[in-house]
Amino acid sequence: MLYGGTGLGKTHLANAIGNHIKATHKDKKVLYVTSERFTNQFIDSVKNGSMGEFSNFYESIDVLI
């Protein structure tokens, strides 16, 4: 988890980590998603009865940032 005030570079750091992983491990699937988006997708999948799709999608990701 990255935590800090506005403008301290958290997003840049997270993207740099993802880019480094992709550059050094070309076979890895890397996904950057905000916690808000992840939570909203989870809630929507519960409401829509599509937890299987949600789970399958995120289980296919090697690195979740």
PDB file of N, CA and C in Angstrom:
ATOM      1  N   MET A   1       0.844  -1.161   0.000  1.00  0.00           N
ATOM      2  CA  MET A   1       0.000   0.000   0.000  1.00  0.00           C
ATOM      3  C   MET A   1       0.894   1.229   0.000  1.00  0.00           C
ATOM      4  N   LEU A   2       0.523   2.178  -0.830  1.00  0.00           N
ATOM      5  CA  LEU A   2       1.207   3.463  -0.848  1.00  0.00           C
ATOM      6  C   LEU A   2       0.294   4.480  -0.192  1.00  0.00           C
ATOM      7  N   TYR A   3       0.836   5.247   0.725  1.00  0.00           N
ATOM      8  CA  TYR A   3       0.036   6.223   1.450  1.00  0.00           C
ATOM      9  C   TYR A   3       0.836   7.503   1.597  1.00  0.00           C
ATOM     10  N   GLY A   4       0.174   8.619   1.377  1.00  0.00           N
ATOM     11  CA  GLY A   4       0.835   9.900   1.571  1.00  0.00           C
ATOM     12  C   GLY A   4      -0.046  11.020   1.076  1.00  0.00           C
ATOM     13  N   GLY A   5       0.414  12.206   1.283  1.00  0.00           N
ATOM     14  CA  GLY A   5      -0.344  13.384   0.892  1.00  0.00           C
ATOM     15  C   GLY A   5      -0.382  13.584  -0.609  1.00  0.00           C
ATOM     16  N   THR A   6      -1.184  14.555  -1.003  1.00  0.00           N
ATOM     17  CA  THR A   6      -1.335  14.895  -2.411  1.00  0.00           C
ATOM     18  C   THR A   6      -0.031  15.434  -2.979  1.00  0.00           C
ATOM     19  N   GLY A   7       0.296  14.974  -4.195  1.00  0.00           N
ATOM     20  CA  GLY A   7       1.443  15.521  -4.907  1.00  0.00           C
ATOM     21  C   GLY A   7       2.795  14.977  -4.507  1.00  0.00           C
ATOM     22  N   LEU A   8       2.818  13.862  -3.796  1.00  0.00           N
ATOM     23  CA  LEU A   8       4.100  13.307  -3.355  1.00  0.00           C
ATOM     24  C   LEU A   8       4.657  12.243  -4.296  1.00  0.00           C
ATOM     25  N   GLY A   9       3.914  11.898  -5.344  1.00  0.00           N
ATOM     26  CA  GLY A   9       4.434  10.966  -6.350  1.00  0.00           C
ATOM     27  C   GLY A   9       4.013   9.523  -6.188  1.00  0.00           C
ATOM     28  N   LYS A  10       2.961   9.264  -5.437  1.00  0.00           N
ATOM     29  CA  LYS A  10       2.510   7.873  -5.224  1.00  0.00           C
ATOM     30  C   LYS A  10       2.140   7.197  -6.544  1.00  0.00           C
ATOM     31  N   THR A  11       1.405   7.900  -7.376  1.00  0.00           N
ATOM     32  CA  THR A  11       0.989   7.331  -8.664  1.00  0.00           C
ATOM     33  C   THR A  11       2.196   7.087  -9.555  1.00  0.00           C
ATOM     34  N   HIS A  12       3.129   8.028  -9.583  1.00  0.00           N
ATOM     35  CA  HIS A  12       4.341   7.863 -10.392  1.00  0.00           C
ATOM     36  C   HIS A  12       5.152   6.664  -9.913  1.00  0.00           C
ATOM     37  N   LEU A  13       5.270   6.513  -8.622  1.00  0.00           N
ATOM     38  CA  LEU A  13       5.998   5.379  -8.060  1.00  0.00           C
ATOM     39  C   LEU A  13       5.322   4.060  -8.428  1.00  0.00           C
ATOM     40  N   ALA A  14       4.013   3.996  -8.276  1.00  0.00           N
ATOM     41  CA  ALA A  14       3.277   2.775  -8.607  1.00  0.00           C
ATOM     42  C   ALA A  14       3.431   2.436 -10.088  1.00  0.00           C
ATOM     43  N   ASN A  15       3.323   3.427 -10.949  1.00  0.00           N
ATOM     44  CA  ASN A  15       3.488   3.186 -12.387  1.00  0.00           C
ATOM     45  C   ASN A  15       4.911   2.760 -12.723  1.00  0.00           C
ATOM     46  N   ALA A  16       5.890   3.347 -12.067  1.00  0.00           N
ATOM     47  CA  ALA A  16       7.283   2.966 -12.305  1.00  0.00           C
ATOM     48  C   ALA A  16       7.521   1.516 -11.903  1.00  0.00           C
ATOM     49  N   ILE A  17       6.938   1.099 -10.794  1.00  0.00           N
ATOM     50  CA  ILE A  17       7.068  -0.297 -10.363  1.00  0.00           C
ATOM     51  C   ILE A  17       6.460  -1.214 -11.415  1.00  0.00           C
ATOM     52  N   GLY A  18       5.252  -0.891 -11.867  1.00  0.00           N
ATOM     53  CA  GLY A  18       4.598  -1.704 -12.898  1.00  0.00           C
ATOM     54  C   GLY A  18       5.397  -1.744 -14.186  1.00  0.00           C
ATOM     55  N   ASN A  19       5.913  -0.604 -14.613  1.00  0.00           N
ATOM     56  CA  ASN A  19       6.712  -0.554 -15.837  1.00  0.00           C
ATOM     57  C   ASN A  19       7.991  -1.375 -15.719  1.00  0.00           C
ATOM     58  N   HIS A  20       8.609  -1.337 -14.552  1.00  0.00           N
ATOM     59  CA  HIS A  20       9.833  -2.125 -14.343  1.00  0.00           C
ATOM     60  C   HIS A  20       9.528  -3.619 -14.405  1.00  0.00           C
ATOM     61  N   ILE A  21       8.456  -4.028 -13.788  1.00  0.00           N
ATOM     62  CA  ILE A  21       8.076  -5.442 -13.815  1.00  0.00           C
ATOM     63  C   ILE A  21       7.797  -5.881 -15.251  1.00  0.00           C
ATOM     64  N   LYS A  22       7.065  -5.057 -16.001  1.00  0.00           N
ATOM     65  CA  LYS A  22       6.763  -5.399 -17.388  1.00  0.00           C
ATOM     66  C   LYS A  22       8.023  -5.456 -18.240  1.00  0.00           C
ATOM     67  N   ALA A  23       8.980  -4.582 -17.955  1.00  0.00           N
ATOM     68  CA  ALA A  23      10.224  -4.543 -18.728  1.00  0.00           C
ATOM     69  C   ALA A  23      11.122  -5.734 -18.419  1.00  0.00           C
ATOM     70  N   THR A  24      11.110  -6.194 -17.187  1.00  0.00           N
ATOM     71  CA  THR A  24      12.006  -7.276 -16.787  1.00  0.00           C
ATOM     72  C   THR A  24      11.344  -8.653 -16.833  1.00  0.00           C
ATOM     73  N   HIS A  25      10.027  -8.690 -16.871  1.00  0.00           N
ATOM     74  CA  HIS A  25       9.279  -9.949 -16.918  1.00  0.00           C
ATOM     75  C   HIS A  25       8.167  -9.803 -17.957  1.00  0.00           C
ATOM     76  N   LYS A  26       8.544  -9.911 -19.225  1.00  0.00           N
ATOM     77  CA  LYS A  26       7.616  -9.623 -20.313  1.00  0.00           C
ATOM     78  C   LYS A  26       6.390 -10.526 -20.333  1.00  0.00           C
ATOM     79  N   ASP A  27       6.474 -11.680 -19.690  1.00  0.00           N
ATOM     80  CA  ASP A  27       5.350 -12.616 -19.680  1.00  0.00           C
ATOM     81  C   ASP A  27       4.319 -12.294 -18.591  1.00  0.00           C
ATOM     82  N   LYS A  28       4.611 -11.342 -17.727  1.00  0.00           N
ATOM     83  CA  LYS A  28       3.722 -11.019 -16.607  1.00  0.00           C
ATOM     84  C   LYS A  28       2.663 -10.007 -17.017  1.00  0.00           C
ATOM     85  N   LYS A  29       1.454 -10.224 -16.516  1.00  0.00           N
ATOM     86  CA  LYS A  29       0.349  -9.302 -16.726  1.00  0.00           C
ATOM     87  C   LYS A  29       0.273  -8.372 -15.522  1.00  0.00           C
ATOM     88  N   VAL A  30       0.449  -7.073 -15.760  1.00  0.00           N
ATOM     89  CA  VAL A  30       0.467  -6.069 -14.696  1.00  0.00           C
ATOM     90  C   VAL A  30      -0.751  -5.161 -14.878  1.00  0.00           C
ATOM     91  N   LEU A  31      -1.454  -4.908 -13.790  1.00  0.00           N
ATOM     92  CA  LEU A  31      -2.614  -4.022 -13.839  1.00  0.00           C
ATOM     93  C   LEU A  31      -2.512  -3.006 -12.720  1.00  0.00           C
ATOM     94  N   TYR A  32      -2.654  -1.730 -13.091  1.00  0.00           N
ATOM     95  CA  TYR A  32      -2.722  -0.643 -12.110  1.00  0.00           C
ATOM     96  C   TYR A  32      -4.175  -0.242 -12.005  1.00  0.00           C
ATOM     97  N   VAL A  33      -4.723  -0.294 -10.818  1.00  0.00           N
ATOM     98  CA  VAL A  33      -6.115   0.111 -10.599  1.00  0.00           C
ATOM     99  C   VAL A  33      -6.201   0.796  -9.237  1.00  0.00           C
ATOM    100  N   THR A  34      -6.980   1.877  -9.176  1.00  0.00           N
ATOM    101  CA  THR A  34      -7.137   2.565  -7.895  1.00  0.00           C
ATOM    102  C   THR A  34      -7.981   1.699  -6.965  1.00  0.00           C
ATOM    103  N   SER A  35      -7.810   1.908  -5.683  1.00  0.00           N
ATOM    104  CA  SER A  35      -8.613   1.148  -4.718  1.00  0.00           C
ATOM    105  C   SER A  35     -10.086   1.483  -4.872  1.00  0.00           C
ATOM    106  N   GLU A  36     -10.399   2.712  -5.243  1.00  0.00           N
ATOM    107  CA  GLU A  36     -11.797   3.099  -5.454  1.00  0.00           C
ATOM    108  C   GLU A  36     -12.408   2.318  -6.618  1.00  0.00           C
ATOM    109  N   ARG A  37     -11.674   2.219  -7.712  1.00  0.00           N
ATOM    110  CA  ARG A  37     -12.191   1.477  -8.872  1.00  0.00           C
ATOM    111  C   ARG A  37     -12.346  -0.005  -8.549  1.00  0.00           C
ATOM    112  N   PHE A  38     -11.345  -0.581  -7.887  1.00  0.00           N
ATOM    113  CA  PHE A  38     -11.411  -1.989  -7.508  1.00  0.00           C
ATOM    114  C   PHE A  38     -12.629  -2.244  -6.621  1.00  0.00           C
ATOM    115  N   THR A  39     -12.836  -1.391  -5.632  1.00  0.00           N
ATOM    116  CA  THR A  39     -13.973  -1.538  -4.718  1.00  0.00           C
ATOM    117  C   THR A  39     -15.292  -1.409  -5.462  1.00  0.00           C
ATOM    118  N   ASN A  40     -15.393  -0.434  -6.365  1.00  0.00           N
ATOM    119  CA  ASN A  40     -16.620  -0.271  -7.139  1.00  0.00           C
ATOM    120  C   ASN A  40     -16.890  -1.474  -8.032  1.00  0.00           C
ATOM    121  N   GLN A  41     -15.846  -2.029  -8.647  1.00  0.00           N
ATOM    122  CA  GLN A  41     -16.010  -3.228  -9.475  1.00  0.00           C
ATOM    123  C   GLN A  41     -16.470  -4.409  -8.620  1.00  0.00           C
ATOM    124  N   PHE A  42     -15.915  -4.529  -7.434  1.00  0.00           N
ATOM    125  CA  PHE A  42     -16.313  -5.604  -6.533  1.00  0.00           C
ATOM    126  C   PHE A  42     -17.785  -5.459  -6.144  1.00  0.00           C
ATOM    127  N   ILE A  43     -18.177  -4.275  -5.730  1.00  0.00           N
ATOM    128  CA  ILE A  43     -19.566  -4.032  -5.319  1.00  0.00           C
ATOM    129  C   ILE A  43     -20.516  -4.283  -6.482  1.00  0.00           C
ATOM    130  N   ASP A  44     -20.157  -3.807  -7.671  1.00  0.00           N
ATOM    131  CA  ASP A  44     -21.001  -4.038  -8.847  1.00  0.00           C
ATOM    132  C   ASP A  44     -21.137  -5.521  -9.152  1.00  0.00           C
ATOM    133  N   SER A  45     -20.056  -6.269  -9.006  1.00  0.00           N
ATOM    134  CA  SER A  45     -20.125  -7.704  -9.300  1.00  0.00           C
ATOM    135  C   SER A  45     -21.006  -8.431  -8.284  1.00  0.00           C
ATOM    136  N   VAL A  46     -21.005  -7.986  -7.042  1.00  0.00           N
ATOM    137  CA  VAL A  46     -21.887  -8.570  -6.028  1.00  0.00           C
ATOM    138  C   VAL A  46     -23.343  -8.257  -6.374  1.00  0.00           C
ATOM    139  N   LYS A  47     -23.610  -6.994  -6.716  1.00  0.00           N
ATOM    140  CA  LYS A  47     -24.970  -6.574  -7.063  1.00  0.00           C
ATOM    141  C   LYS A  47     -25.499  -7.298  -8.298  1.00  0.00           C
ATOM    142  N   ASN A  48     -24.622  -7.499  -9.283  1.00  0.00           N
ATOM    143  CA  ASN A  48     -25.036  -8.093 -10.559  1.00  0.00           C
ATOM    144  C   ASN A  48     -24.924  -9.609 -10.578  1.00  0.00           C
ATOM    145  N   GLY A  49     -24.437 -10.194  -9.510  1.00  0.00           N
ATOM    146  CA  GLY A  49     -24.266 -11.643  -9.464  1.00  0.00           C
ATOM    147  C   GLY A  49     -23.180 -12.143 -10.403  1.00  0.00           C
ATOM    148  N   SER A  50     -22.163 -11.308 -10.616  1.00  0.00           N
ATOM    149  CA  SER A  50     -21.089 -11.688 -11.541  1.00  0.00           C
ATOM    150  C   SER A  50     -19.742 -11.820 -10.827  1.00  0.00           C
ATOM    151  N   MET A  51     -19.781 -12.338  -9.609  1.00  0.00           N
ATOM    152  CA  MET A  51     -18.542 -12.508  -8.842  1.00  0.00           C
ATOM    153  C   MET A  51     -17.558 -13.424  -9.553  1.00  0.00           C
ATOM    154  N   GLY A  52     -18.078 -14.410 -10.269  1.00  0.00           N
ATOM    155  CA  GLY A  52     -17.195 -15.317 -11.000  1.00  0.00           C
ATOM    156  C   GLY A  52     -16.363 -14.579 -12.026  1.00  0.00           C
ATOM    157  N   GLU A  53     -16.990 -13.684 -12.779  1.00  0.00           N
ATOM    158  CA  GLU A  53     -16.259 -12.894 -13.776  1.00  0.00           C
ATOM    159  C   GLU A  53     -15.226 -12.003 -13.108  1.00  0.00           C
ATOM    160  N   PHE A  54     -15.621 -11.364 -12.015  1.00  0.00           N
ATOM    161  CA  PHE A  54     -14.709 -10.502 -11.263  1.00  0.00           C
ATOM    162  C   PHE A  54     -13.498 -11.309 -10.798  1.00  0.00           C
ATOM    163  N   SER A  55     -13.771 -12.448 -10.184  1.00  0.00           N
ATOM    164  CA  SER A  55     -12.687 -13.299  -9.671  1.00  0.00           C
ATOM    165  C   SER A  55     -11.791 -13.792 -10.790  1.00  0.00           C
ATOM    166  N   ASN A  56     -12.389 -14.256 -11.878  1.00  0.00           N
ATOM    167  CA  ASN A  56     -11.596 -14.760 -13.002  1.00  0.00           C
ATOM    168  C   ASN A  56     -10.689 -13.683 -13.574  1.00  0.00           C
ATOM    169  N   PHE A  57     -11.228 -12.472 -13.693  1.00  0.00           N
ATOM    170  CA  PHE A  57     -10.423 -11.377 -14.243  1.00  0.00           C
ATOM    171  C   PHE A  57      -9.216 -11.104 -13.356  1.00  0.00           C
ATOM    172  N   TYR A  58      -9.447 -10.913 -12.063  1.00  0.00           N
ATOM    173  CA  TYR A  58      -8.341 -10.556 -11.178  1.00  0.00           C
ATOM    174  C   TYR A  58      -7.395 -11.723 -10.907  1.00  0.00           C
ATOM    175  N   GLU A  59      -7.882 -12.944 -10.999  1.00  0.00           N
ATOM    176  CA  GLU A  59      -6.981 -14.092 -10.852  1.00  0.00           C
ATOM    177  C   GLU A  59      -6.061 -14.253 -12.047  1.00  0.00           C
ATOM    178  N   SER A  60      -6.436 -13.654 -13.188  1.00  0.00           N
ATOM    179  CA  SER A  60      -5.596 -13.744 -14.379  1.00  0.00           C
ATOM    180  C   SER A  60      -4.446 -12.739 -14.363  1.00  0.00           C
ATOM    181  N   ILE A  61      -4.468 -11.814 -13.403  1.00  0.00           N
ATOM    182  CA  ILE A  61      -3.440 -10.779 -13.290  1.00  0.00           C
ATOM    183  C   ILE A  61      -2.291 -11.311 -12.419  1.00  0.00           C
ATOM    184  N   ASP A  62      -1.066 -11.113 -12.914  1.00  0.00           N
ATOM    185  CA  ASP A  62       0.108 -11.543 -12.140  1.00  0.00           C
ATOM    186  C   ASP A  62       0.491 -10.521 -11.065  1.00  0.00           C
ATOM    187  N   VAL A  63       0.398  -9.235 -11.412  1.00  0.00           N
ATOM    188  CA  VAL A  63       0.774  -8.179 -10.474  1.00  0.00           C
ATOM    189  C   VAL A  63      -0.342  -7.144 -10.464  1.00  0.00           C
ATOM    190  N   LEU A  64      -0.950  -6.955  -9.310  1.00  0.00           N
ATOM    191  CA  LEU A  64      -2.014  -5.972  -9.154  1.00  0.00           C
ATOM    192  C   LEU A  64      -1.471  -4.807  -8.333  1.00  0.00           C
ATOM    193  N   ILE A  65      -1.487  -3.642  -8.957  1.00  0.00           N
ATOM    194  CA  ILE A  65      -1.007  -2.435  -8.284  1.00  0.00           C
ATOM    195  C   ILE A  65      -2.180  -1.484  -8.154  1.00  0.00           C
TER     196      ILE A  65
END
